[in-house]
Amino acid sequence: MTAPRLPGTLVTFEGPGGVGKTTITKLVAELLDTDGVPVHATIQPSRAPLGELARHGTDTYRDMTLACLCAADRHHQLATEIRPALAEGKVVLCDRYVASSLVLQGMDDIPLDVVWALNHGVYRPDLVCTLSSAPAEIEQRLRTRGGHSRFERAPGSSFRETYGYLAATTFLRDQGWPVQVVDCADDPQATAGTIIDLIHRTRTETSVCP
């Protein structure tokens, strides 16, 4: 059974490590706040103990262990943080969500359908923004800043993630998820502005639907 929709709007940000998800999420939150829109920004894995275990444990936990950790953290965060904020009518911005699990656990050779099953029952976003850029540019940016996980530290990870997100985008669209691929401009403010327009359009469409 599909969970009932809540008054708020869930917007998720996906894309390869180093593409700019955290920066864009922060800018979008600031622009929404300036517009007087109630907003709650968060991240996955979460900042709860379970999420921190997954975030900092990619060298220790692998394969199904990590896949289960990430899924468990997501289900817990939905129950304790995301759904309550949506029930209050807020726009919830989430830096990484299910697509990231499909891609990263796929890099651990976990089949896509297994990852999808672990995430059964998660709340479907109102808008999925998949941030995209040239893999070579992302790779250079990632090497300059340093990898945050074993996935990001692996040579050629930006190329593998980029192709993984192409497959995840197709899969999620087939499941009825509203995915928009957003090319990252040189100016993050411009990218954030594009996403703000998508969010306002999504909120308008949602408000007129039964």
N, C-alpha and C. Protein backbone atom coordinates (compact mmCIF):
# COMPACT_ATOMS: atom_id res chain seq x y z
N MET A 1 0.84 -1.19 0.00
CA MET A 1 0.00 0.00 0.00
C MET A 1 0.88 1.24 0.00
N THR A 2 0.52 2.21 -0.84
CA THR A 2 1.28 3.44 -0.91
C THR A 2 0.97 4.33 0.28
N ALA A 3 2.03 4.87 0.91
CA ALA A 3 1.83 5.74 2.07
C ALA A 3 1.14 7.02 1.63
N PRO A 4 0.25 7.57 2.47
CA PRO A 4 -0.44 8.81 2.10
C PRO A 4 0.55 9.95 1.95
N ARG A 5 0.23 10.87 1.03
CA ARG A 5 1.09 12.02 0.82
C ARG A 5 0.89 13.02 1.96
N LEU A 6 1.95 13.69 2.31
CA LEU A 6 1.94 14.66 3.40
C LEU A 6 1.93 16.08 2.83
N PRO A 7 1.57 17.09 3.64
CA PRO A 7 1.43 18.46 3.12
C PRO A 7 2.72 19.07 2.58
N GLY A 8 3.86 18.66 3.11
CA GLY A 8 5.12 19.25 2.68
C GLY A 8 5.60 18.72 1.35
N THR A 9 6.80 19.15 0.96
CA THR A 9 7.39 18.77 -0.32
C THR A 9 8.78 18.21 -0.07
N LEU A 10 9.02 16.97 -0.52
CA LEU A 10 10.33 16.35 -0.36
C LEU A 10 11.12 16.48 -1.65
N VAL A 11 12.25 17.17 -1.55
CA VAL A 11 13.15 17.38 -2.69
C VAL A 11 14.48 16.72 -2.35
N THR A 12 14.94 15.82 -3.21
CA THR A 12 16.20 15.14 -2.95
C THR A 12 17.24 15.53 -4.00
N PHE A 13 18.48 15.53 -3.56
CA PHE A 13 19.60 15.92 -4.42
C PHE A 13 20.53 14.72 -4.58
N GLU A 14 20.76 14.32 -5.82
CA GLU A 14 21.58 13.16 -6.11
C GLU A 14 22.69 13.54 -7.09
N GLY A 15 23.65 12.67 -7.24
CA GLY A 15 24.74 12.92 -8.17
C GLY A 15 26.05 12.43 -7.62
N PRO A 16 27.06 12.32 -8.48
CA PRO A 16 28.36 11.79 -8.06
C PRO A 16 29.00 12.63 -6.97
N GLY A 17 29.83 12.00 -6.15
CA GLY A 17 30.58 12.73 -5.15
C GLY A 17 31.42 13.81 -5.80
N GLY A 18 31.36 15.03 -5.28
CA GLY A 18 32.13 16.13 -5.84
C GLY A 18 31.38 16.97 -6.85
N VAL A 19 30.12 16.59 -7.18
CA VAL A 19 29.36 17.35 -8.17
C VAL A 19 28.81 18.65 -7.60
N GLY A 20 28.70 18.73 -6.25
CA GLY A 20 28.23 19.98 -5.64
C GLY A 20 26.91 19.88 -4.90
N LYS A 21 26.51 18.67 -4.51
CA LYS A 21 25.20 18.48 -3.86
C LYS A 21 25.07 19.30 -2.59
N THR A 22 26.09 19.25 -1.74
CA THR A 22 26.01 19.94 -0.44
C THR A 22 25.92 21.45 -0.63
N THR A 23 26.74 21.98 -1.54
CA THR A 23 26.71 23.42 -1.82
C THR A 23 25.35 23.84 -2.36
N ILE A 24 24.83 23.08 -3.32
CA ILE A 24 23.55 23.43 -3.94
C ILE A 24 22.41 23.31 -2.94
N THR A 25 22.44 22.26 -2.10
CA THR A 25 21.39 22.11 -1.09
C THR A 25 21.36 23.32 -0.17
N LYS A 26 22.53 23.78 0.27
CA LYS A 26 22.62 24.93 1.16
C LYS A 26 22.09 26.20 0.48
N LEU A 27 22.46 26.41 -0.78
CA LEU A 27 22.01 27.60 -1.50
C LEU A 27 20.49 27.59 -1.71
N VAL A 28 19.96 26.42 -2.06
CA VAL A 28 18.51 26.31 -2.27
C VAL A 28 17.77 26.58 -0.96
N ALA A 29 18.29 26.06 0.15
CA ALA A 29 17.67 26.31 1.45
C ALA A 29 17.65 27.79 1.77
N GLU A 30 18.75 28.49 1.48
CA GLU A 30 18.83 29.92 1.76
C GLU A 30 17.85 30.70 0.90
N LEU A 31 17.72 30.32 -0.37
CA LEU A 31 16.80 31.03 -1.27
C LEU A 31 15.34 30.81 -0.86
N LEU A 32 15.01 29.58 -0.47
CA LEU A 32 13.65 29.30 -0.01
C LEU A 32 13.34 30.08 1.27
N ASP A 33 14.30 30.13 2.17
CA ASP A 33 14.11 30.87 3.42
C ASP A 33 13.88 32.35 3.14
N THR A 34 14.64 32.88 2.17
CA THR A 34 14.47 34.28 1.78
C THR A 34 13.08 34.53 1.21
N ASP A 35 12.55 33.53 0.51
CA ASP A 35 11.20 33.64 -0.06
C ASP A 35 10.10 33.42 0.97
N GLY A 36 10.51 33.13 2.21
CA GLY A 36 9.52 32.89 3.26
C GLY A 36 8.91 31.51 3.24
N VAL A 37 9.58 30.57 2.56
CA VAL A 37 9.08 29.19 2.48
C VAL A 37 9.68 28.39 3.64
N PRO A 38 8.87 27.73 4.45
CA PRO A 38 9.42 26.92 5.54
C PRO A 38 10.22 25.76 4.99
N VAL A 39 11.47 25.64 5.41
CA VAL A 39 12.37 24.66 4.82
C VAL A 39 13.13 23.91 5.91
N HIS A 40 13.39 22.66 5.63
CA HIS A 40 14.21 21.83 6.52
C HIS A 40 15.23 21.11 5.67
N ALA A 41 16.51 21.39 5.88
CA ALA A 41 17.58 20.75 5.10
C ALA A 41 18.20 19.62 5.92
N THR A 42 18.47 18.51 5.25
CA THR A 42 19.07 17.37 5.93
C THR A 42 19.97 16.62 4.96
N ILE A 43 20.52 15.50 5.42
CA ILE A 43 21.50 14.77 4.62
C ILE A 43 21.38 13.29 4.92
N GLN A 44 21.78 12.48 3.95
CA GLN A 44 21.87 11.03 4.17
C GLN A 44 23.26 10.54 3.75
N PRO A 45 23.86 9.61 4.50
CA PRO A 45 23.41 9.13 5.78
C PRO A 45 23.17 10.27 6.77
N SER A 46 22.27 10.03 7.72
CA SER A 46 21.85 11.08 8.64
C SER A 46 22.95 11.38 9.66
N ARG A 47 22.69 12.38 10.50
CA ARG A 47 23.62 12.72 11.57
C ARG A 47 23.32 11.93 12.85
N ALA A 48 22.33 11.05 12.80
CA ALA A 48 22.04 10.18 13.94
C ALA A 48 23.15 9.13 14.06
N PRO A 49 23.26 8.46 15.21
CA PRO A 49 24.33 7.47 15.38
C PRO A 49 24.40 6.41 14.29
N LEU A 50 23.24 5.92 13.86
CA LEU A 50 23.23 4.91 12.80
C LEU A 50 23.78 5.47 11.50
N GLY A 51 23.39 6.72 11.18
CA GLY A 51 23.89 7.35 9.97
C GLY A 51 25.37 7.62 10.03
N GLU A 52 25.87 8.07 11.18
CA GLU A 52 27.30 8.33 11.33
C GLU A 52 28.11 7.05 11.18
N LEU A 53 27.53 5.94 11.65
CA LEU A 53 28.19 4.65 11.49
C LEU A 53 28.35 4.31 10.01
N ALA A 54 27.29 4.53 9.24
CA ALA A 54 27.35 4.26 7.81
C ALA A 54 28.28 5.24 7.09
N ARG A 55 28.21 6.52 7.48
CA ARG A 55 29.00 7.56 6.81
C ARG A 55 30.51 7.33 6.97
N HIS A 56 30.90 7.00 8.19
CA HIS A 56 32.34 6.89 8.48
C HIS A 56 32.83 5.45 8.45
N GLY A 57 31.96 4.53 8.05
CA GLY A 57 32.34 3.13 8.09
C GLY A 57 32.49 2.45 6.75
N THR A 58 32.68 3.23 5.69
CA THR A 58 32.73 2.59 4.37
C THR A 58 33.99 1.73 4.18
N ASP A 59 35.02 1.97 4.96
CA ASP A 59 36.20 1.10 4.88
C ASP A 59 36.01 -0.18 5.69
N THR A 60 35.14 -0.12 6.68
CA THR A 60 34.89 -1.28 7.55
C THR A 60 33.74 -2.12 7.03
N TYR A 61 32.66 -1.46 6.60
CA TYR A 61 31.45 -2.16 6.18
C TYR A 61 31.33 -2.12 4.66
N ARG A 62 30.99 -3.25 4.09
CA ARG A 62 30.90 -3.37 2.65
C ARG A 62 29.69 -4.21 2.26
N ASP A 63 29.42 -4.21 0.97
CA ASP A 63 28.43 -5.12 0.40
C ASP A 63 27.07 -5.02 1.12
N MET A 64 26.50 -6.18 1.48
CA MET A 64 25.16 -6.17 2.08
C MET A 64 25.15 -5.49 3.44
N THR A 65 26.26 -5.57 4.16
CA THR A 65 26.31 -4.93 5.48
C THR A 65 26.09 -3.43 5.35
N LEU A 66 26.82 -2.80 4.43
CA LEU A 66 26.67 -1.36 4.25
C LEU A 66 25.31 -1.02 3.64
N ALA A 67 24.85 -1.85 2.71
CA ALA A 67 23.53 -1.61 2.10
C ALA A 67 22.43 -1.62 3.15
N CYS A 68 22.51 -2.56 4.08
CA CYS A 68 21.50 -2.65 5.14
C CYS A 68 21.63 -1.48 6.12
N LEU A 69 22.86 -1.08 6.43
CA LEU A 69 23.07 0.07 7.30
C LEU A 69 22.44 1.32 6.73
N CYS A 70 22.71 1.59 5.44
CA CYS A 70 22.19 2.79 4.79
C CYS A 70 20.67 2.77 4.72
N ALA A 71 20.11 1.61 4.39
CA ALA A 71 18.65 1.51 4.30
C ALA A 71 18.01 1.67 5.67
N ALA A 72 18.61 1.06 6.70
CA ALA A 72 18.06 1.18 8.05
C ALA A 72 18.09 2.63 8.52
N ASP A 73 19.19 3.32 8.24
CA ASP A 73 19.28 4.73 8.62
C ASP A 73 18.23 5.56 7.90
N ARG A 74 18.00 5.26 6.63
CA ARG A 74 17.00 6.00 5.85
C ARG A 74 15.60 5.80 6.43
N HIS A 75 15.24 4.56 6.72
CA HIS A 75 13.92 4.29 7.29
C HIS A 75 13.76 5.00 8.64
N HIS A 76 14.81 4.98 9.45
CA HIS A 76 14.75 5.63 10.76
C HIS A 76 14.62 7.14 10.61
N GLN A 77 15.41 7.72 9.71
CA GLN A 77 15.36 9.16 9.51
C GLN A 77 14.01 9.61 8.97
N LEU A 78 13.43 8.82 8.10
CA LEU A 78 12.09 9.15 7.60
C LEU A 78 11.09 9.22 8.74
N ALA A 79 11.16 8.24 9.64
CA ALA A 79 10.19 8.18 10.74
C ALA A 79 10.40 9.29 11.77
N THR A 80 11.65 9.64 12.03
CA THR A 80 11.95 10.56 13.14
C THR A 80 12.19 12.00 12.72
N GLU A 81 12.51 12.23 11.45
CA GLU A 81 12.87 13.59 11.03
C GLU A 81 12.12 14.05 9.79
N ILE A 82 12.17 13.27 8.73
CA ILE A 82 11.67 13.75 7.44
C ILE A 82 10.14 13.79 7.40
N ARG A 83 9.49 12.69 7.76
CA ARG A 83 8.02 12.70 7.73
C ARG A 83 7.43 13.74 8.69
N PRO A 84 7.96 13.89 9.91
CA PRO A 84 7.42 14.95 10.78
C PRO A 84 7.55 16.34 10.17
N ALA A 85 8.67 16.62 9.50
CA ALA A 85 8.83 17.93 8.87
C ALA A 85 7.86 18.10 7.71
N LEU A 86 7.63 17.03 6.94
CA LEU A 86 6.66 17.09 5.85
C LEU A 86 5.25 17.29 6.39
N ALA A 87 4.96 16.66 7.52
CA ALA A 87 3.63 16.80 8.13
C ALA A 87 3.37 18.24 8.56
N GLU A 88 4.45 18.98 8.84
CA GLU A 88 4.33 20.39 9.22
C GLU A 88 4.25 21.30 7.99
N GLY A 89 4.28 20.72 6.80
CA GLY A 89 4.16 21.50 5.58
C GLY A 89 5.46 22.10 5.08
N LYS A 90 6.58 21.62 5.58
CA LYS A 90 7.87 22.19 5.17
C LYS A 90 8.36 21.59 3.85
N VAL A 91 9.22 22.34 3.18
CA VAL A 91 9.96 21.80 2.06
C VAL A 91 11.21 21.15 2.66
N VAL A 92 11.32 19.85 2.50
CA VAL A 92 12.47 19.12 3.04
C VAL A 92 13.46 18.90 1.91
N LEU A 93 14.69 19.37 2.11
CA LEU A 93 15.76 19.19 1.14
C LEU A 93 16.71 18.13 1.68
N CYS A 94 16.89 17.05 0.93
CA CYS A 94 17.71 15.94 1.40
C CYS A 94 18.89 15.71 0.46
N ASP A 95 20.09 15.90 0.99
CA ASP A 95 21.34 15.69 0.26
C ASP A 95 21.63 14.19 0.25
N ARG A 96 21.33 13.55 -0.85
CA ARG A 96 21.37 12.10 -1.10
C ARG A 96 20.08 11.44 -0.61
N TYR A 97 19.69 10.40 -1.39
CA TYR A 97 18.50 9.62 -1.02
C TYR A 97 18.62 8.26 -1.70
N VAL A 98 17.57 7.70 -2.19
CA VAL A 98 17.59 6.32 -2.67
C VAL A 98 18.51 6.13 -3.88
N ALA A 99 18.54 7.08 -4.80
CA ALA A 99 19.40 6.93 -5.98
C ALA A 99 20.85 6.72 -5.58
N SER A 100 21.29 7.41 -4.54
CA SER A 100 22.67 7.24 -4.09
C SER A 100 22.93 5.81 -3.63
N SER A 101 21.96 5.20 -2.97
CA SER A 101 22.11 3.80 -2.57
C SER A 101 22.15 2.88 -3.79
N LEU A 102 21.29 3.14 -4.76
CA LEU A 102 21.30 2.32 -5.97
C LEU A 102 22.67 2.36 -6.64
N VAL A 103 23.28 3.54 -6.65
CA VAL A 103 24.58 3.70 -7.33
C VAL A 103 25.72 3.15 -6.49
N LEU A 104 25.83 3.61 -5.23
CA LEU A 104 26.98 3.23 -4.42
C LEU A 104 26.95 1.76 -4.04
N GLN A 105 25.78 1.24 -3.68
CA GLN A 105 25.72 -0.19 -3.39
C GLN A 105 25.92 -1.01 -4.66
N GLY A 106 25.54 -0.42 -5.79
CA GLY A 106 25.84 -1.07 -7.07
C GLY A 106 27.34 -1.18 -7.31
N MET A 107 28.10 -0.18 -6.84
CA MET A 107 29.55 -0.23 -6.95
C MET A 107 30.14 -1.31 -6.04
N ASP A 108 29.36 -1.77 -5.08
CA ASP A 108 29.74 -2.92 -4.23
C ASP A 108 29.15 -4.22 -4.78
N ASP A 109 28.63 -4.13 -6.01
CA ASP A 109 28.09 -5.31 -6.71
C ASP A 109 26.82 -5.88 -6.08
N ILE A 110 26.06 -5.02 -5.36
CA ILE A 110 24.75 -5.43 -4.87
C ILE A 110 23.74 -5.17 -5.99
N PRO A 111 22.97 -6.17 -6.40
CA PRO A 111 22.01 -5.97 -7.49
C PRO A 111 21.01 -4.86 -7.18
N LEU A 112 20.64 -4.15 -8.22
CA LEU A 112 19.72 -3.01 -8.08
C LEU A 112 18.42 -3.43 -7.41
N ASP A 113 17.88 -4.59 -7.80
CA ASP A 113 16.59 -4.99 -7.23
C ASP A 113 16.70 -5.31 -5.74
N VAL A 114 17.88 -5.71 -5.29
CA VAL A 114 18.08 -5.97 -3.86
C VAL A 114 18.09 -4.66 -3.08
N VAL A 115 18.79 -3.66 -3.61
CA VAL A 115 18.83 -2.35 -2.96
C VAL A 115 17.42 -1.75 -2.92
N TRP A 116 16.69 -1.90 -4.00
CA TRP A 116 15.32 -1.38 -4.07
C TRP A 116 14.44 -2.06 -3.03
N ALA A 117 14.61 -3.36 -2.86
CA ALA A 117 13.81 -4.09 -1.88
C ALA A 117 14.14 -3.64 -0.45
N LEU A 118 15.41 -3.36 -0.17
CA LEU A 118 15.80 -2.88 1.16
C LEU A 118 15.15 -1.53 1.47
N ASN A 119 14.87 -0.77 0.43
CA ASN A 119 14.28 0.56 0.60
C ASN A 119 12.77 0.56 0.37
N HIS A 120 12.18 -0.62 0.39
CA HIS A 120 10.73 -0.72 0.20
C HIS A 120 9.99 0.10 1.26
N GLY A 121 9.02 0.88 0.79
CA GLY A 121 8.20 1.66 1.72
C GLY A 121 8.71 3.05 2.01
N VAL A 122 9.86 3.44 1.43
CA VAL A 122 10.33 4.80 1.67
C VAL A 122 9.37 5.80 1.03
N TYR A 123 9.40 7.01 1.52
CA TYR A 123 8.52 8.06 1.00
C TYR A 123 9.03 8.52 -0.36
N ARG A 124 8.15 8.50 -1.36
CA ARG A 124 8.54 8.94 -2.69
C ARG A 124 8.71 10.45 -2.71
N PRO A 125 9.86 10.95 -3.18
CA PRO A 125 10.05 12.40 -3.25
C PRO A 125 9.07 13.05 -4.22
N ASP A 126 8.82 14.33 -3.97
CA ASP A 126 8.02 15.13 -4.91
C ASP A 126 8.88 15.59 -6.08
N LEU A 127 10.19 15.63 -5.85
CA LEU A 127 11.13 16.05 -6.88
C LEU A 127 12.50 15.47 -6.56
N VAL A 128 13.09 14.79 -7.55
CA VAL A 128 14.45 14.29 -7.44
C VAL A 128 15.32 15.10 -8.40
N CYS A 129 16.29 15.82 -7.86
CA CYS A 129 17.22 16.60 -8.68
C CYS A 129 18.54 15.85 -8.79
N THR A 130 18.79 15.30 -9.95
CA THR A 130 20.07 14.62 -10.18
C THR A 130 21.03 15.61 -10.82
N LEU A 131 22.05 15.98 -10.06
CA LEU A 131 23.02 16.97 -10.53
C LEU A 131 24.05 16.29 -11.42
N SER A 132 24.32 16.92 -12.55
CA SER A 132 25.20 16.32 -13.52
C SER A 132 26.25 17.30 -13.99
N SER A 133 27.43 16.76 -14.29
CA SER A 133 28.53 17.55 -14.85
C SER A 133 29.46 16.58 -15.55
N ALA A 134 30.43 17.12 -16.29
CA ALA A 134 31.37 16.25 -16.99
C ALA A 134 32.18 15.43 -15.98
N PRO A 135 32.23 14.11 -16.16
CA PRO A 135 32.94 13.26 -15.19
C PRO A 135 34.39 13.69 -14.95
N ALA A 136 35.07 14.14 -16.00
CA ALA A 136 36.47 14.55 -15.83
C ALA A 136 36.58 15.75 -14.90
N GLU A 137 35.63 16.68 -15.02
CA GLU A 137 35.64 17.86 -14.14
C GLU A 137 35.36 17.47 -12.70
N ILE A 138 34.40 16.56 -12.52
CA ILE A 138 34.08 16.10 -11.16
C ILE A 138 35.28 15.39 -10.56
N GLU A 139 35.93 14.55 -11.38
CA GLU A 139 37.09 13.79 -10.90
C GLU A 139 38.20 14.73 -10.43
N GLN A 140 38.44 15.78 -11.19
CA GLN A 140 39.47 16.74 -10.82
C GLN A 140 39.11 17.44 -9.52
N ARG A 141 37.85 17.84 -9.40
CA ARG A 141 37.39 18.52 -8.19
C ARG A 141 37.52 17.59 -6.98
N LEU A 142 37.18 16.33 -7.19
CA LEU A 142 37.22 15.34 -6.11
C LEU A 142 38.66 15.11 -5.65
N ARG A 143 39.58 15.02 -6.59
CA ARG A 143 40.98 14.79 -6.24
C ARG A 143 41.55 16.00 -5.50
N THR A 144 41.06 17.19 -5.85
CA THR A 144 41.55 18.40 -5.18
C THR A 144 41.06 18.48 -3.75
N ARG A 145 39.78 18.15 -3.55
CA ARG A 145 39.20 18.27 -2.21
C ARG A 145 39.48 17.04 -1.35
N GLY A 146 39.68 15.88 -1.97
CA GLY A 146 39.87 14.64 -1.22
C GLY A 146 38.58 13.87 -1.10
N GLY A 147 38.67 12.55 -1.15
CA GLY A 147 37.49 11.71 -1.08
C GLY A 147 37.00 11.56 0.35
N HIS A 148 35.67 11.54 0.51
CA HIS A 148 35.07 11.38 1.83
C HIS A 148 34.79 9.92 2.18
N SER A 149 34.96 9.03 1.23
CA SER A 149 34.67 7.61 1.47
C SER A 149 35.54 6.79 0.53
N ARG A 150 35.53 5.47 0.74
CA ARG A 150 36.32 4.62 -0.17
C ARG A 150 35.79 4.68 -1.59
N PHE A 151 34.48 4.96 -1.74
CA PHE A 151 33.93 5.09 -3.09
C PHE A 151 34.57 6.27 -3.80
N GLU A 152 34.65 7.41 -3.12
CA GLU A 152 35.20 8.61 -3.73
C GLU A 152 36.71 8.52 -3.91
N ARG A 153 37.38 7.75 -3.08
CA ARG A 153 38.83 7.63 -3.20
C ARG A 153 39.26 6.69 -4.31
N ALA A 154 38.35 5.87 -4.79
CA ALA A 154 38.69 4.89 -5.82
C ALA A 154 38.97 5.59 -7.15
N PRO A 155 40.05 5.25 -7.85
CA PRO A 155 40.35 5.86 -9.15
C PRO A 155 39.19 5.65 -10.12
N GLY A 156 38.84 6.73 -10.82
CA GLY A 156 37.77 6.64 -11.82
C GLY A 156 36.37 6.59 -11.24
N SER A 157 36.23 6.89 -9.95
CA SER A 157 34.91 6.79 -9.31
C SER A 157 33.89 7.73 -9.93
N SER A 158 34.34 8.91 -10.37
CA SER A 158 33.39 9.88 -10.93
C SER A 158 32.75 9.35 -12.21
N PHE A 159 33.53 8.61 -12.99
CA PHE A 159 32.99 8.05 -14.22
C PHE A 159 32.00 6.92 -13.89
N ARG A 160 32.37 6.06 -12.95
CA ARG A 160 31.47 4.96 -12.57
C ARG A 160 30.18 5.50 -11.96
N GLU A 161 30.30 6.51 -11.11
CA GLU A 161 29.10 7.08 -10.49
C GLU A 161 28.21 7.76 -11.53
N THR A 162 28.83 8.49 -12.45
CA THR A 162 28.05 9.19 -13.48
C THR A 162 27.20 8.20 -14.28
N TYR A 163 27.81 7.11 -14.72
CA TYR A 163 27.06 6.12 -15.49
C TYR A 163 26.05 5.40 -14.60
N GLY A 164 26.40 5.23 -13.32
CA GLY A 164 25.46 4.63 -12.39
C GLY A 164 24.21 5.48 -12.21
N TYR A 165 24.38 6.80 -12.16
CA TYR A 165 23.22 7.69 -12.00
C TYR A 165 22.36 7.73 -13.25
N LEU A 166 22.96 7.54 -14.40
CA LEU A 166 22.15 7.44 -15.62
C LEU A 166 21.20 6.25 -15.52
N ALA A 167 21.74 5.12 -15.07
CA ALA A 167 20.91 3.91 -14.92
C ALA A 167 19.88 4.10 -13.81
N ALA A 168 20.29 4.71 -12.69
CA ALA A 168 19.36 4.92 -11.58
C ALA A 168 18.23 5.86 -11.98
N THR A 169 18.54 6.88 -12.77
CA THR A 169 17.52 7.82 -13.23
C THR A 169 16.47 7.11 -14.07
N THR A 170 16.92 6.28 -14.99
CA THR A 170 15.99 5.51 -15.82
C THR A 170 15.13 4.60 -14.96
N PHE A 171 15.76 3.90 -14.02
CA PHE A 171 15.03 2.97 -13.15
C PHE A 171 13.97 3.70 -12.32
N LEU A 172 14.36 4.81 -11.69
CA LEU A 172 13.41 5.53 -10.83
C LEU A 172 12.26 6.14 -11.62
N ARG A 173 12.56 6.62 -12.81
CA ARG A 173 11.47 7.14 -13.66
C ARG A 173 10.50 6.03 -14.00
N ASP A 174 11.02 4.82 -14.23
CA ASP A 174 10.15 3.68 -14.52
C ASP A 174 9.27 3.33 -13.32
N GLN A 175 9.72 3.69 -12.12
CA GLN A 175 8.92 3.45 -10.91
C GLN A 175 7.96 4.60 -10.63
N GLY A 176 7.94 5.62 -11.50
CA GLY A 176 7.04 6.75 -11.33
C GLY A 176 7.61 7.87 -10.49
N TRP A 177 8.92 7.85 -10.24
CA TRP A 177 9.53 8.92 -9.45
C TRP A 177 9.83 10.11 -10.35
N PRO A 178 9.56 11.34 -9.88
CA PRO A 178 9.77 12.55 -10.70
C PRO A 178 11.22 13.01 -10.66
N VAL A 179 12.00 12.54 -11.61
CA VAL A 179 13.44 12.84 -11.64
C VAL A 179 13.73 13.92 -12.69
N GLN A 180 14.47 14.95 -12.26
CA GLN A 180 14.93 16.00 -13.18
C GLN A 180 16.46 16.02 -13.15
N VAL A 181 17.07 15.89 -14.31
CA VAL A 181 18.53 15.99 -14.40
C VAL A 181 18.88 17.45 -14.58
N VAL A 182 19.72 17.98 -13.70
CA VAL A 182 20.09 19.40 -13.71
C VAL A 182 21.58 19.52 -13.99
N ASP A 183 21.92 20.14 -15.12
CA ASP A 183 23.33 20.38 -15.44
C ASP A 183 23.87 21.45 -14.50
N CYS A 184 24.98 21.16 -13.85
CA CYS A 184 25.56 22.12 -12.92
C CYS A 184 26.30 23.21 -13.69
N ALA A 185 25.87 24.43 -13.51
CA ALA A 185 26.52 25.56 -14.16
C ALA A 185 27.81 25.90 -13.42
N ASP A 186 28.65 26.72 -14.08
CA ASP A 186 29.86 27.19 -13.41
C ASP A 186 29.51 27.99 -12.16
N ASP A 187 28.36 28.66 -12.21
CA ASP A 187 27.90 29.46 -11.08
C ASP A 187 26.87 28.65 -10.29
N PRO A 188 27.21 28.18 -9.08
CA PRO A 188 26.25 27.41 -8.29
C PRO A 188 24.96 28.15 -8.03
N GLN A 189 25.01 29.50 -7.96
CA GLN A 189 23.80 30.28 -7.74
C GLN A 189 22.82 30.08 -8.89
N ALA A 190 23.35 29.97 -10.11
CA ALA A 190 22.49 29.76 -11.27
C ALA A 190 21.82 28.39 -11.20
N THR A 191 22.59 27.38 -10.79
CA THR A 191 22.03 26.04 -10.63
C THR A 191 20.96 26.04 -9.56
N ALA A 192 21.23 26.71 -8.44
CA ALA A 192 20.25 26.80 -7.36
C ALA A 192 18.99 27.49 -7.84
N GLY A 193 19.13 28.54 -8.64
CA GLY A 193 17.98 29.26 -9.17
C GLY A 193 17.11 28.38 -10.06
N THR A 194 17.78 27.55 -10.87
CA THR A 194 17.04 26.61 -11.72
C THR A 194 16.22 25.64 -10.87
N ILE A 195 16.82 25.16 -9.79
CA ILE A 195 16.14 24.21 -8.92
C ILE A 195 14.99 24.88 -8.16
N ILE A 196 15.19 26.12 -7.75
CA ILE A 196 14.11 26.87 -7.09
C ILE A 196 12.88 26.93 -8.01
N ASP A 197 13.10 27.20 -9.28
CA ASP A 197 11.99 27.24 -10.24
C ASP A 197 11.28 25.88 -10.30
N LEU A 198 12.07 24.79 -10.30
CA LEU A 198 11.49 23.45 -10.34
C LEU A 198 10.67 23.17 -9.07
N ILE A 199 11.17 23.63 -7.93
CA ILE A 199 10.46 23.41 -6.67
C ILE A 199 9.15 24.17 -6.65
N HIS A 200 9.17 25.44 -7.07
CA HIS A 200 7.94 26.23 -7.08
C HIS A 200 6.91 25.60 -8.03
N ARG A 201 7.39 25.13 -9.18
CA ARG A 201 6.47 24.48 -10.13
C ARG A 201 5.89 23.21 -9.53
N THR A 202 6.75 22.43 -8.85
CA THR A 202 6.29 21.19 -8.23
C THR A 202 5.26 21.47 -7.15
N ARG A 203 5.51 22.47 -6.32
CA ARG A 203 4.57 22.81 -5.24
C ARG A 203 3.23 23.28 -5.81
N THR A 204 3.28 24.03 -6.91
CA THR A 204 2.04 24.50 -7.54
C THR A 204 1.25 23.33 -8.11
N GLU A 205 1.96 22.41 -8.78
CA GLU A 205 1.28 21.25 -9.37
C GLU A 205 0.70 20.36 -8.29
N THR A 206 1.43 20.20 -7.19
CA THR A 206 0.96 19.34 -6.10
C THR A 206 -0.27 19.93 -5.44
N SER A 207 -0.31 21.26 -5.32
CA SER A 207 -1.42 21.91 -4.62
C SER A 207 -2.72 21.82 -5.40
N VAL A 208 -2.63 21.67 -6.73
CA VAL A 208 -3.86 21.60 -7.53
C VAL A 208 -4.30 20.17 -7.81
N CYS A 209 -3.43 19.19 -7.45
CA CYS A 209 -3.80 17.80 -7.67
C CYS A 209 -4.65 17.30 -6.51
N PRO A 210 -5.60 16.41 -6.78
CA PRO A 210 -6.43 15.86 -5.71
C PRO A 210 -5.62 14.95 -4.81
